[in-house]
Protein backbone atom coordinates (compact mmCIF):
# COMPACT_ATOMS: atom_id res chain seq x y z
CA MET A 1 -31.06 -29.02 -2.89
CA THR A 2 -28.55 -28.15 -5.54
CA ALA A 3 -24.87 -28.95 -5.16
CA LYS A 4 -24.16 -25.24 -4.66
CA ARG A 5 -26.77 -25.03 -1.89
CA ILE A 6 -25.40 -28.17 -0.19
CA ALA A 7 -21.87 -26.74 -0.29
CA GLN A 8 -23.14 -23.44 1.10
CA PHE A 9 -25.00 -25.28 3.85
CA GLY A 10 -21.90 -27.32 4.74
CA LEU A 11 -19.80 -24.18 4.98
CA LEU A 12 -22.38 -22.45 7.19
CA THR A 13 -22.49 -25.50 9.48
CA ALA A 14 -18.71 -25.55 9.75
CA VAL A 15 -18.52 -21.80 10.43
CA ALA A 16 -21.24 -22.03 13.11
CA LEU A 17 -19.41 -24.89 14.83
CA VAL A 18 -16.04 -23.14 14.71
CA LEU A 19 -17.53 -19.91 16.06
CA GLY A 20 -19.21 -21.89 18.85
CA TRP A 21 -15.87 -23.48 19.70
CA VAL A 22 -14.09 -20.11 19.67
CA GLU A 23 -16.63 -18.52 22.00
CA ARG A 24 -16.16 -21.38 24.47
CA MET A 25 -12.48 -20.42 24.66
CA PHE A 26 -13.34 -16.83 25.64
CA PRO A 27 -16.26 -16.84 28.11
CA VAL A 28 -18.20 -13.57 28.25
CA ALA A 29 -19.31 -13.96 31.87
CA PRO A 30 -17.26 -16.64 33.65
CA GLY A 31 -19.19 -18.26 36.47
CA ILE A 32 -22.60 -17.29 35.11
CA PRO A 33 -24.09 -20.28 33.28
CA GLY A 34 -25.86 -19.84 29.97
CA ILE A 35 -24.28 -16.56 28.92
CA LYS A 36 -22.31 -16.70 25.70
CA LEU A 37 -21.73 -14.19 22.95
CA GLY A 38 -23.69 -16.28 20.44
CA LEU A 39 -21.35 -15.92 17.49
CA GLY A 40 -22.90 -18.98 15.87
CA ASN A 41 -26.18 -17.09 15.79
CA THR A 42 -24.74 -14.68 13.23
CA VAL A 43 -24.54 -17.69 10.92
CA LEU A 44 -28.15 -18.59 11.71
CA LEU A 45 -29.22 -15.00 10.97
CA TYR A 46 -27.38 -15.21 7.67
CA ALA A 47 -29.19 -18.46 6.84
CA ILE A 48 -32.58 -16.94 7.69
CA TYR A 49 -32.03 -13.86 5.56
CA MET A 50 -30.15 -15.40 2.64
CA MET A 51 -31.34 -19.01 2.41
CA GLY A 52 -34.78 -19.39 3.97
CA ALA A 53 -36.71 -20.92 6.85
CA LYS A 54 -36.20 -24.57 5.92
CA GLU A 55 -32.44 -24.30 5.60
CA ALA A 56 -32.15 -22.15 8.74
CA SER A 57 -34.19 -24.69 10.72
CA LEU A 58 -32.06 -27.57 9.51
CA LEU A 59 -28.89 -25.60 10.26
CA MET A 60 -30.09 -24.91 13.81
CA VAL A 61 -30.84 -28.60 14.46
CA ILE A 62 -27.52 -29.79 13.03
CA LYS A 63 -25.59 -27.06 14.89
CA VAL A 64 -27.26 -27.99 18.19
CA LEU A 65 -26.66 -31.71 17.75
CA LEU A 66 -23.05 -31.49 16.56
CA SER A 67 -21.95 -28.84 19.04
CA GLY A 68 -23.77 -30.71 21.81
CA PHE A 69 -21.99 -33.96 21.03
CA MET A 70 -18.65 -32.17 20.68
CA PHE A 71 -18.81 -29.80 23.64
CA SER A 72 -21.62 -30.28 26.14
CA GLY A 73 -23.39 -33.64 26.09
CA LEU A 74 -27.07 -34.53 26.26
CA SER A 75 -28.12 -31.89 28.79
CA GLY A 76 -26.42 -29.22 26.68
CA ILE A 77 -28.29 -30.48 23.62
CA LEU A 78 -31.63 -30.23 25.46
CA TYR A 79 -30.97 -26.68 26.65
CA SER A 80 -29.64 -25.56 23.28
CA PHE A 81 -32.45 -27.21 21.36
CA ALA A 82 -35.15 -25.57 23.49
CA GLY A 83 -33.46 -22.19 23.16
CA GLY A 84 -32.79 -22.73 19.47
CA VAL A 85 -36.38 -23.65 18.63
CA LEU A 86 -37.88 -20.72 20.52
CA SER A 87 -35.29 -18.35 19.11
CA LEU A 88 -35.79 -19.61 15.56
CA VAL A 89 -39.57 -19.17 15.79
CA VAL A 90 -39.12 -15.59 17.00
CA LEU A 91 -36.50 -14.82 14.35
CA LEU A 92 -38.64 -16.20 11.54
CA LEU A 93 -41.77 -14.36 12.72
CA LEU A 94 -39.99 -11.03 13.12
CA LYS A 95 -38.19 -11.38 9.80
CA ARG A 96 -41.59 -11.49 8.09
CA ILE A 97 -42.30 -7.94 9.22
CA PRO A 98 -41.50 -5.62 6.30
CA HIS A 99 -38.31 -3.65 6.84
CA ALA A 100 -37.66 -5.35 10.20
CA ASN A 101 -34.38 -4.17 11.66
CA ILE A 102 -31.98 -7.14 11.81
CA ILE A 103 -30.53 -5.85 15.09
CA ILE A 104 -33.96 -5.90 16.77
CA VAL A 105 -34.60 -9.33 15.26
CA SER A 106 -31.26 -10.55 16.67
CA ILE A 107 -31.91 -9.13 20.15
CA SER A 108 -35.36 -10.74 20.22
CA GLY A 109 -33.90 -14.07 19.11
CA ALA A 110 -31.21 -13.94 21.81
CA VAL A 111 -33.74 -13.17 24.53
CA ALA A 112 -36.04 -15.96 23.25
CA HIS A 113 -33.09 -18.38 23.29
CA HIS A 114 -32.46 -17.63 26.96
CA MET A 115 -36.15 -17.99 27.79
CA GLY A 116 -36.23 -21.40 26.07
CA GLN A 117 -33.28 -22.50 28.17
CA LEU A 118 -34.98 -21.24 31.33
CA ILE A 119 -38.07 -23.28 30.52
CA VAL A 120 -35.91 -26.43 30.32
CA ALA A 121 -34.09 -25.48 33.52
CA SER A 122 -37.36 -25.02 35.40
CA VAL A 123 -38.52 -28.47 34.25
CA PHE A 124 -35.26 -30.12 35.33
CA VAL A 125 -35.02 -28.32 38.65
CA LEU A 126 -38.77 -28.56 39.29
CA SER A 127 -38.72 -25.14 40.85
CA ARG A 128 -39.68 -21.64 39.91
CA ALA A 129 -36.56 -20.41 41.66
CA VAL A 130 -34.72 -20.42 38.33
CA LEU A 131 -37.03 -17.60 37.25
CA GLY A 132 -34.98 -15.33 39.50
CA TYR A 133 -32.35 -15.64 36.79
CA VAL A 134 -34.64 -13.95 34.23
CA PRO A 135 -33.29 -10.38 34.69
CA VAL A 136 -29.69 -11.55 34.23
CA LEU A 137 -30.56 -13.46 31.07
CA LEU A 138 -32.70 -10.61 29.70
CA VAL A 139 -29.87 -8.11 30.06
CA SER A 140 -27.29 -10.51 28.62
CA GLY A 141 -29.67 -11.42 25.77
CA VAL A 142 -30.09 -7.77 24.83
CA ILE A 143 -26.34 -7.12 24.93
CA THR A 144 -25.27 -10.26 23.06
CA GLY A 145 -28.18 -9.99 20.61
CA LEU A 146 -27.17 -6.40 19.89
CA LEU A 147 -23.57 -7.43 19.20
CA THR A 148 -24.45 -10.40 17.00
CA GLY A 149 -27.08 -8.30 15.22
CA ILE A 150 -24.52 -5.63 14.37
CA VAL A 151 -22.11 -8.28 13.08
CA ALA A 152 -24.87 -9.94 11.04
CA LYS A 153 -26.01 -6.59 9.62
CA TYR A 154 -22.56 -5.75 8.27
CA VAL A 155 -21.86 -9.29 7.06
CA LEU A 156 -25.14 -9.35 5.14
CA LYS A 157 -24.54 -5.85 3.82
CA GLY A 158 -21.08 -6.84 2.62
CA LEU A 159 -22.33 -10.04 1.02
CA LYS A 160 -25.20 -8.28 -0.73
CA LEU A 161 -22.76 -5.70 -2.11
CA TYR A 162 -20.52 -8.51 -3.28
CA ARG A 163 -23.41 -10.25 -5.01
CA GLU A 164 -24.50 -7.04 -6.72
CA LYS A 165 -21.13 -6.41 -8.32
CA PRO A 166 -21.05 -7.60 -11.93
CA LYS A 167 -18.29 -10.05 -12.73
CA ALA A 168 -15.52 -8.81 -14.97
CA SER A 169 -16.38 -11.55 -17.50
CA ASP A 170 -20.04 -10.42 -17.53
CA LYS A 171 -19.00 -6.85 -18.21
CA SER A 172 -16.66 -7.80 -21.04
CA ASN A 173 -19.37 -10.02 -22.60
CA LYS A 174 -21.82 -7.08 -22.57
CA ASP A 175 -19.19 -4.86 -24.21
CA LYS A 176 -18.79 -7.40 -27.03
CA GLU A 177 -22.57 -7.40 -27.74
């Protein structure tokens, strides 16, 4: 990795952790475990679309480990890692579809994240009773995935526009030629 890529990666990690911390301060559905807005996932979507699968995978692992150690402990890491892996696989597969809508990709990733967490919960609880929670998590996954997808769409759009603008120094150099 180049120094620029490492700096970019460090910034994305920091932003994902800060967004995760912020969303813990403002719970979406108090009293209902596992439902969060998923602001950190906008950073993961950015990494998938702008950096690539390897960097996005590494970002997910580091985000899960660091946020787990900072906020939730080992059980939180296990739940987040299961959800993160399943979500990342879905995101990467759907992103490969030509002209895939980032909002649909985001919704699918959010739902997959919840399903990964439910798989871990059913192993820990040793009961299928947790599957009764599926409708709640499906609805919340669609809503939160929609919101984070919209945010990611406009962030990526803005960043692509920014990258397409020629620098003033580039323009003046072309004028001199």
